């Protein structure tokens, strides 16, 4: 009986690994000051994940939130609006790029970019045309360059 249970467990694990059914979790910290001394940042500010992976935005410092930037998500992609000083968890399923901002610190450049899937992001060209404000413009352009 023990051998049979061990065999079943091994087959189940092998199937899960071979089918890509294991999704990953990532943490993005919301900080007043990043490890590079930049003010008002998500760390990391760029992530490349696979469909089905989950990103947890964690407010390490108070008075931050994470929310979608309008028009920087693939059609039908996940959008979200986290509460102030509360973590928010998002599972991304559609390939493309997703813009993220901290609403109170958005003009100061507190933005992040999540690229979901391999290959060219289907909405990257349209995302680069979205008008942003303040320091968010330059910071997001640097993140778009990473997604290419």
N, C-alpha and C. Protein backbone atom coordinates (compact mmCIF):
# COMPACT_ATOMS: atom_id res chain seq x y z
N UNK A 1 0.82 -1.19 0.00
CA UNK A 1 0.00 0.00 0.00
C UNK A 1 0.86 1.26 0.00
N UNK A 2 1.95 1.28 0.82
CA UNK A 2 2.83 2.43 0.90
C UNK A 2 3.49 2.71 -0.45
N UNK A 3 3.92 1.64 -1.15
CA UNK A 3 4.56 1.82 -2.46
C UNK A 3 3.58 2.43 -3.45
N UNK A 4 2.33 2.00 -3.38
CA UNK A 4 1.31 2.51 -4.29
C UNK A 4 1.07 4.00 -4.04
N UNK A 5 0.98 4.42 -2.78
CA UNK A 5 0.78 5.84 -2.45
C UNK A 5 1.98 6.68 -2.88
N UNK A 6 3.18 6.15 -2.69
CA UNK A 6 4.38 6.86 -3.11
C UNK A 6 4.39 7.04 -4.62
N UNK A 7 4.03 6.01 -5.35
CA UNK A 7 3.97 6.08 -6.81
C UNK A 7 2.94 7.11 -7.27
N UNK A 8 1.79 7.13 -6.65
CA UNK A 8 0.74 8.10 -7.00
C UNK A 8 1.24 9.52 -6.74
N UNK A 9 1.89 9.75 -5.60
CA UNK A 9 2.41 11.08 -5.26
C UNK A 9 3.46 11.53 -6.27
N UNK A 10 4.35 10.60 -6.67
CA UNK A 10 5.40 10.95 -7.63
C UNK A 10 4.80 11.27 -8.99
N UNK A 11 3.83 10.52 -9.42
CA UNK A 11 3.18 10.77 -10.72
C UNK A 11 2.45 12.11 -10.71
N UNK A 12 1.77 12.40 -9.62
CA UNK A 12 1.06 13.67 -9.50
C UNK A 12 2.03 14.83 -9.56
N UNK A 13 3.15 14.74 -8.85
CA UNK A 13 4.15 15.81 -8.86
C UNK A 13 4.76 15.97 -10.25
N UNK A 14 5.06 14.87 -10.91
CA UNK A 14 5.64 14.93 -12.25
C UNK A 14 4.66 15.58 -13.23
N UNK A 15 3.38 15.24 -13.12
CA UNK A 15 2.38 15.84 -14.00
C UNK A 15 2.28 17.34 -13.76
N UNK A 16 2.26 17.76 -12.51
CA UNK A 16 2.13 19.18 -12.18
C UNK A 16 3.32 19.96 -12.73
N UNK A 17 4.52 19.42 -12.59
CA UNK A 17 5.71 20.11 -13.09
C UNK A 17 5.71 20.15 -14.61
N UNK A 18 5.40 19.06 -15.25
CA UNK A 18 5.44 19.01 -16.71
C UNK A 18 4.33 19.83 -17.36
N UNK A 19 3.23 20.02 -16.67
CA UNK A 19 2.13 20.78 -17.26
C UNK A 19 2.22 22.27 -16.98
N UNK A 20 3.24 22.68 -16.22
CA UNK A 20 3.39 24.09 -15.91
C UNK A 20 2.33 24.58 -14.94
N UNK A 21 1.75 23.68 -14.19
CA UNK A 21 0.64 24.03 -13.31
C UNK A 21 1.08 24.72 -12.03
N UNK A 22 2.37 24.87 -11.83
CA UNK A 22 2.85 25.49 -10.61
C UNK A 22 3.03 26.98 -10.85
N UNK A 23 2.16 27.77 -10.24
CA UNK A 23 2.25 29.22 -10.38
C UNK A 23 3.17 29.77 -9.29
N UNK A 24 3.77 30.91 -9.58
CA UNK A 24 4.70 31.53 -8.63
C UNK A 24 4.04 32.74 -7.98
N UNK A 25 4.55 33.08 -6.81
CA UNK A 25 4.13 34.29 -6.11
C UNK A 25 5.33 35.23 -6.03
N UNK A 26 5.07 36.51 -6.24
CA UNK A 26 6.10 37.54 -6.17
C UNK A 26 5.65 38.63 -5.22
N UNK A 27 6.59 39.26 -4.55
CA UNK A 27 6.26 40.39 -3.68
C UNK A 27 6.89 41.65 -4.25
N UNK A 28 6.10 42.71 -4.30
CA UNK A 28 6.58 44.04 -4.67
C UNK A 28 6.34 44.93 -3.46
N UNK A 29 7.40 45.53 -2.96
CA UNK A 29 7.30 46.38 -1.78
C UNK A 29 7.01 47.83 -2.19
N UNK A 30 6.17 48.49 -1.40
CA UNK A 30 5.88 49.91 -1.59
C UNK A 30 6.68 50.67 -0.53
N UNK A 31 7.61 51.51 -1.00
CA UNK A 31 8.59 52.12 -0.10
C UNK A 31 8.67 53.63 -0.27
N UNK A 32 9.00 54.31 0.83
CA UNK A 32 9.30 55.74 0.76
C UNK A 32 10.66 55.97 0.11
N UNK A 33 11.60 55.05 0.37
CA UNK A 33 12.95 55.13 -0.21
C UNK A 33 13.40 53.73 -0.59
N UNK A 34 13.84 53.58 -1.84
CA UNK A 34 14.28 52.28 -2.33
C UNK A 34 15.72 51.99 -1.98
N UNK A 35 16.17 50.79 -2.30
CA UNK A 35 17.55 50.39 -2.01
C UNK A 35 18.57 51.21 -2.79
N UNK A 36 18.12 51.86 -3.88
CA UNK A 36 19.00 52.73 -4.66
C UNK A 36 18.88 54.20 -4.24
N UNK A 37 18.21 54.45 -3.10
CA UNK A 37 17.98 55.78 -2.51
C UNK A 37 16.97 56.63 -3.27
N UNK A 38 16.32 56.07 -4.30
CA UNK A 38 15.25 56.80 -4.98
C UNK A 38 14.07 56.91 -4.04
N UNK A 39 13.37 58.04 -4.12
CA UNK A 39 12.21 58.28 -3.26
C UNK A 39 10.94 57.75 -3.93
N UNK A 40 10.01 57.26 -3.11
CA UNK A 40 8.69 56.81 -3.53
C UNK A 40 8.78 55.80 -4.68
N UNK A 41 9.00 54.54 -4.30
CA UNK A 41 9.22 53.50 -5.30
C UNK A 41 8.48 52.21 -4.96
N UNK A 42 8.24 51.45 -6.02
CA UNK A 42 7.89 50.04 -5.90
C UNK A 42 9.21 49.30 -6.06
N UNK A 43 9.43 48.26 -5.27
CA UNK A 43 10.67 47.52 -5.39
C UNK A 43 10.39 46.03 -5.37
N UNK A 44 10.64 45.32 -6.47
CA UNK A 44 11.15 45.84 -7.74
C UNK A 44 10.07 46.62 -8.50
N UNK A 45 10.53 47.51 -9.36
CA UNK A 45 9.59 48.30 -10.15
C UNK A 45 9.24 47.62 -11.47
N UNK A 46 9.99 46.57 -11.83
CA UNK A 46 9.72 45.80 -13.05
C UNK A 46 9.76 44.32 -12.70
N UNK A 47 8.74 43.62 -13.14
CA UNK A 47 8.69 42.16 -12.98
C UNK A 47 8.26 41.52 -14.28
N UNK A 48 8.86 40.40 -14.59
CA UNK A 48 8.43 39.57 -15.73
C UNK A 48 7.91 38.27 -15.12
N UNK A 49 6.62 38.02 -15.28
CA UNK A 49 5.97 36.85 -14.69
C UNK A 49 5.28 36.05 -15.79
N UNK A 50 4.80 34.90 -15.41
CA UNK A 50 4.07 34.03 -16.34
C UNK A 50 2.57 34.10 -16.04
N UNK A 51 1.73 33.83 -17.05
CA UNK A 51 0.29 33.79 -16.80
C UNK A 51 -0.02 32.83 -15.64
N UNK A 52 -0.87 33.27 -14.74
CA UNK A 52 -1.22 32.48 -13.56
C UNK A 52 -0.42 32.84 -12.33
N UNK A 53 0.67 33.61 -12.50
CA UNK A 53 1.46 34.03 -11.35
C UNK A 53 0.75 35.14 -10.59
N UNK A 54 1.06 35.24 -9.30
CA UNK A 54 0.45 36.24 -8.44
C UNK A 54 1.50 37.22 -7.93
N UNK A 55 1.14 38.50 -7.94
CA UNK A 55 2.01 39.55 -7.40
C UNK A 55 1.28 40.15 -6.19
N UNK A 56 2.01 40.21 -5.09
CA UNK A 56 1.47 40.80 -3.87
C UNK A 56 2.19 42.12 -3.64
N UNK A 57 1.43 43.21 -3.66
CA UNK A 57 1.97 44.53 -3.42
C UNK A 57 1.85 44.80 -1.92
N UNK A 58 2.99 44.99 -1.26
CA UNK A 58 3.04 45.11 0.20
C UNK A 58 3.48 46.50 0.62
N UNK A 59 2.64 47.22 1.38
CA UNK A 59 3.02 48.55 1.84
C UNK A 59 3.96 48.45 3.05
N UNK A 60 5.26 48.47 2.79
CA UNK A 60 6.25 48.42 3.86
C UNK A 60 6.19 49.72 4.66
N UNK A 61 6.10 50.82 3.95
CA UNK A 61 5.94 52.13 4.57
C UNK A 61 4.46 52.53 4.44
N UNK A 62 3.94 53.32 5.38
CA UNK A 62 2.51 53.68 5.34
C UNK A 62 2.18 54.67 4.23
N UNK A 63 0.89 54.81 3.96
CA UNK A 63 0.34 55.80 3.02
C UNK A 63 0.67 55.50 1.56
N UNK A 64 0.72 54.22 1.22
CA UNK A 64 0.90 53.80 -0.18
C UNK A 64 -0.25 52.87 -0.55
N UNK A 65 -0.54 52.83 -1.85
CA UNK A 65 -1.45 51.83 -2.39
C UNK A 65 -0.91 51.39 -3.74
N UNK A 66 -1.50 50.36 -4.29
CA UNK A 66 -1.15 49.89 -5.63
C UNK A 66 -2.45 49.78 -6.40
N UNK A 67 -2.46 50.37 -7.60
CA UNK A 67 -3.64 50.30 -8.46
C UNK A 67 -3.22 50.36 -9.92
N UNK A 68 -4.10 49.89 -10.76
CA UNK A 68 -3.85 49.89 -12.21
C UNK A 68 -3.75 51.31 -12.74
N UNK A 69 -2.88 51.48 -13.73
CA UNK A 69 -2.85 52.73 -14.49
C UNK A 69 -3.81 52.53 -15.66
N UNK A 70 -4.80 53.41 -15.79
CA UNK A 70 -5.76 53.26 -16.89
C UNK A 70 -5.06 53.15 -18.25
N UNK A 71 -5.52 52.22 -19.05
CA UNK A 71 -5.06 51.99 -20.43
C UNK A 71 -3.67 51.36 -20.53
N UNK A 72 -3.09 50.94 -19.42
CA UNK A 72 -1.84 50.18 -19.51
C UNK A 72 -2.10 48.78 -18.97
N UNK A 73 -2.85 48.04 -19.76
CA UNK A 73 -3.17 46.63 -19.50
C UNK A 73 -3.68 46.07 -20.82
N UNK A 74 -3.44 44.79 -21.08
CA UNK A 74 -3.98 44.21 -22.31
C UNK A 74 -5.51 44.17 -22.25
N UNK A 75 -6.13 44.14 -23.40
CA UNK A 75 -7.59 44.07 -23.45
C UNK A 75 -8.08 42.85 -22.68
N UNK A 76 -8.99 43.08 -21.74
CA UNK A 76 -9.52 41.99 -20.92
C UNK A 76 -8.61 41.60 -19.77
N UNK A 77 -7.49 42.32 -19.60
CA UNK A 77 -6.55 42.00 -18.54
C UNK A 77 -7.03 42.46 -17.17
N UNK A 78 -6.38 41.99 -16.16
CA UNK A 78 -6.74 42.28 -14.79
C UNK A 78 -6.49 43.74 -14.45
N UNK A 79 -7.45 44.38 -13.81
CA UNK A 79 -7.26 45.71 -13.25
C UNK A 79 -7.59 45.61 -11.76
N UNK A 80 -7.04 46.53 -10.99
CA UNK A 80 -7.21 46.45 -9.54
C UNK A 80 -7.03 47.83 -8.92
N UNK A 81 -7.52 47.96 -7.69
CA UNK A 81 -7.42 49.20 -6.93
C UNK A 81 -7.26 48.81 -5.46
N UNK A 82 -6.01 48.83 -4.99
CA UNK A 82 -5.75 48.47 -3.60
C UNK A 82 -6.06 49.62 -2.65
N UNK A 83 -6.43 49.28 -1.44
CA UNK A 83 -6.72 50.27 -0.41
C UNK A 83 -5.42 50.84 0.16
N UNK A 84 -5.51 52.05 0.66
CA UNK A 84 -4.35 52.72 1.25
C UNK A 84 -3.79 51.93 2.43
N UNK A 85 -2.47 51.74 2.40
CA UNK A 85 -1.73 51.05 3.48
C UNK A 85 -2.14 49.60 3.69
N UNK A 86 -2.72 48.98 2.66
CA UNK A 86 -3.13 47.58 2.73
C UNK A 86 -2.48 46.81 1.58
N UNK A 87 -2.07 45.56 1.81
CA UNK A 87 -1.55 44.76 0.71
C UNK A 87 -2.67 44.43 -0.28
N UNK A 88 -2.27 44.24 -1.52
CA UNK A 88 -3.22 43.80 -2.54
C UNK A 88 -2.53 42.70 -3.35
N UNK A 89 -3.29 41.65 -3.63
CA UNK A 89 -2.78 40.50 -4.36
C UNK A 89 -3.49 40.43 -5.71
N UNK A 90 -2.69 40.27 -6.77
CA UNK A 90 -3.25 40.22 -8.12
C UNK A 90 -2.67 39.02 -8.85
N UNK A 91 -3.55 38.18 -9.40
CA UNK A 91 -3.12 37.07 -10.24
C UNK A 91 -3.32 37.49 -11.69
N UNK A 92 -2.22 37.50 -12.43
CA UNK A 92 -2.24 37.95 -13.82
C UNK A 92 -2.41 36.74 -14.74
N UNK A 93 -3.38 36.81 -15.65
CA UNK A 93 -3.65 35.68 -16.53
C UNK A 93 -3.45 35.99 -18.01
N UNK A 94 -3.59 37.24 -18.41
CA UNK A 94 -3.48 37.60 -19.83
C UNK A 94 -2.10 38.17 -20.12
N UNK A 95 -1.43 37.68 -21.17
CA UNK A 95 -0.12 38.23 -21.53
C UNK A 95 -0.22 39.71 -21.91
N UNK A 96 0.83 40.44 -21.57
CA UNK A 96 0.92 41.86 -21.89
C UNK A 96 1.62 42.61 -20.78
N UNK A 97 1.61 43.94 -20.88
CA UNK A 97 2.19 44.77 -19.84
C UNK A 97 1.08 45.45 -19.05
N UNK A 98 1.32 45.59 -17.74
CA UNK A 98 0.37 46.17 -16.81
C UNK A 98 1.06 47.30 -16.06
N UNK A 99 0.53 48.50 -16.15
CA UNK A 99 1.06 49.63 -15.40
C UNK A 99 0.43 49.68 -14.01
N UNK A 100 1.26 50.02 -13.04
CA UNK A 100 0.82 50.11 -11.64
C UNK A 100 1.29 51.45 -11.09
N UNK A 101 0.43 52.07 -10.27
CA UNK A 101 0.81 53.34 -9.63
C UNK A 101 0.38 53.33 -8.18
N UNK A 102 1.05 54.17 -7.40
CA UNK A 102 0.61 54.52 -6.06
C UNK A 102 -0.06 55.87 -6.23
N UNK A 103 -1.36 55.94 -6.03
CA UNK A 103 -2.11 57.15 -6.35
C UNK A 103 -1.55 58.41 -5.69
N UNK A 104 -1.27 58.43 -4.38
CA UNK A 104 -0.78 59.68 -3.81
C UNK A 104 0.62 60.08 -4.28
N UNK A 105 1.41 59.13 -4.72
CA UNK A 105 2.79 59.42 -5.11
C UNK A 105 3.05 59.25 -6.60
N UNK A 106 2.01 59.12 -7.36
CA UNK A 106 2.10 58.95 -8.81
C UNK A 106 2.85 60.11 -9.48
N UNK A 107 2.54 61.38 -9.17
CA UNK A 107 3.29 62.47 -9.81
C UNK A 107 4.78 62.47 -9.45
N UNK A 108 5.12 61.83 -8.32
CA UNK A 108 6.52 61.73 -7.91
C UNK A 108 7.23 60.56 -8.58
N UNK A 109 6.50 59.84 -9.43
CA UNK A 109 7.10 58.75 -10.19
C UNK A 109 6.97 57.38 -9.57
N UNK A 110 6.04 57.20 -8.64
CA UNK A 110 5.89 55.88 -8.02
C UNK A 110 5.02 55.01 -8.92
N UNK A 111 5.72 54.33 -9.86
CA UNK A 111 5.07 53.46 -10.84
C UNK A 111 5.85 52.15 -10.94
N UNK A 112 5.18 51.15 -11.45
CA UNK A 112 5.80 49.84 -11.69
C UNK A 112 5.21 49.27 -12.98
N UNK A 113 5.90 48.29 -13.55
CA UNK A 113 5.42 47.62 -14.75
C UNK A 113 5.57 46.13 -14.57
N UNK A 114 4.48 45.42 -14.84
CA UNK A 114 4.48 43.95 -14.79
C UNK A 114 4.31 43.46 -16.22
N UNK A 115 5.27 42.66 -16.69
CA UNK A 115 5.14 42.02 -18.01
C UNK A 115 4.74 40.57 -17.77
N UNK A 116 3.65 40.18 -18.40
CA UNK A 116 3.13 38.82 -18.25
C UNK A 116 3.35 38.07 -19.56
N UNK A 117 4.02 36.93 -19.48
CA UNK A 117 4.25 36.09 -20.64
C UNK A 117 5.55 36.40 -21.35
N UNK A 118 5.92 35.46 -22.23
CA UNK A 118 7.15 35.61 -23.01
C UNK A 118 6.84 36.23 -24.35
N UNK A 119 7.87 36.67 -25.03
CA UNK A 119 7.70 37.28 -26.34
C UNK A 119 7.24 38.72 -26.22
N UNK A 120 6.99 39.33 -27.37
CA UNK A 120 6.56 40.73 -27.35
C UNK A 120 5.21 40.90 -26.66
N UNK A 121 5.10 41.93 -25.84
CA UNK A 121 3.83 42.22 -25.17
C UNK A 121 2.87 42.79 -26.20
N UNK A 122 1.67 42.22 -26.34
CA UNK A 122 0.76 42.65 -27.39
C UNK A 122 0.27 44.10 -27.23
N UNK A 123 0.35 44.65 -26.05
CA UNK A 123 -0.15 46.01 -25.83
C UNK A 123 0.95 47.03 -25.54
N UNK A 124 2.22 46.65 -25.76
CA UNK A 124 3.32 47.55 -25.40
C UNK A 124 3.28 48.86 -26.18
N UNK A 125 3.07 48.79 -27.49
CA UNK A 125 3.06 50.02 -28.30
C UNK A 125 1.95 50.97 -27.84
N UNK A 126 0.78 50.44 -27.57
CA UNK A 126 -0.33 51.28 -27.09
C UNK A 126 -0.04 51.82 -25.69
N UNK A 127 0.57 51.01 -24.84
CA UNK A 127 0.89 51.45 -23.48
C UNK A 127 1.87 52.61 -23.49
N UNK A 128 2.83 52.57 -24.40
CA UNK A 128 3.84 53.64 -24.48
C UNK A 128 3.23 54.98 -24.89
N UNK A 129 2.05 54.96 -25.48
CA UNK A 129 1.39 56.19 -25.92
C UNK A 129 0.54 56.83 -24.83
N UNK A 130 0.33 56.12 -23.71
CA UNK A 130 -0.50 56.65 -22.63
C UNK A 130 0.23 57.82 -21.97
N UNK A 131 -0.48 58.92 -21.80
CA UNK A 131 0.11 60.10 -21.16
C UNK A 131 0.13 59.92 -19.65
N UNK A 132 1.32 60.11 -19.09
CA UNK A 132 1.49 60.03 -17.65
C UNK A 132 1.83 61.42 -17.13
N UNK A 133 2.00 61.56 -15.83
CA UNK A 133 2.28 62.88 -15.28
C UNK A 133 3.58 62.89 -14.48
N UNK A 134 4.19 64.07 -14.38
CA UNK A 134 5.37 64.26 -13.55
C UNK A 134 6.48 63.28 -13.83
N UNK A 135 7.16 62.86 -12.76
CA UNK A 135 8.27 61.91 -12.86
C UNK A 135 7.84 60.54 -13.36
N UNK A 136 6.54 60.26 -13.30
CA UNK A 136 6.05 58.96 -13.75
C UNK A 136 6.38 58.73 -15.23
N UNK A 137 6.41 59.79 -16.01
CA UNK A 137 6.68 59.67 -17.45
C UNK A 137 8.05 59.04 -17.70
N UNK A 138 9.10 59.61 -17.13
CA UNK A 138 10.45 59.10 -17.37
C UNK A 138 10.66 57.73 -16.74
N UNK A 139 10.15 57.54 -15.53
CA UNK A 139 10.33 56.23 -14.87
C UNK A 139 9.63 55.13 -15.66
N UNK A 140 8.42 55.42 -16.16
CA UNK A 140 7.69 54.38 -16.89
C UNK A 140 8.38 54.09 -18.22
N UNK A 141 8.92 55.10 -18.88
CA UNK A 141 9.62 54.86 -20.14
C UNK A 141 10.80 53.91 -19.93
N UNK A 142 11.54 54.08 -18.85
CA UNK A 142 12.64 53.18 -18.54
C UNK A 142 12.13 51.75 -18.32
N UNK A 143 10.96 51.62 -17.71
CA UNK A 143 10.38 50.29 -17.50
C UNK A 143 9.90 49.68 -18.82
N UNK A 144 9.31 50.51 -19.70
CA UNK A 144 8.90 50.00 -21.01
C UNK A 144 10.12 49.47 -21.77
N UNK A 145 11.26 50.16 -21.65
CA UNK A 145 12.47 49.72 -22.33
C UNK A 145 12.88 48.33 -21.86
N UNK A 146 12.68 48.02 -20.58
CA UNK A 146 13.00 46.70 -20.06
C UNK A 146 12.08 45.62 -20.63
N UNK A 147 10.85 46.01 -20.96
CA UNK A 147 9.86 45.05 -21.44
C UNK A 147 10.04 44.69 -22.91
N UNK A 148 10.90 45.39 -23.60
CA UNK A 148 11.09 45.15 -25.06
C UNK A 148 11.94 43.94 -25.31
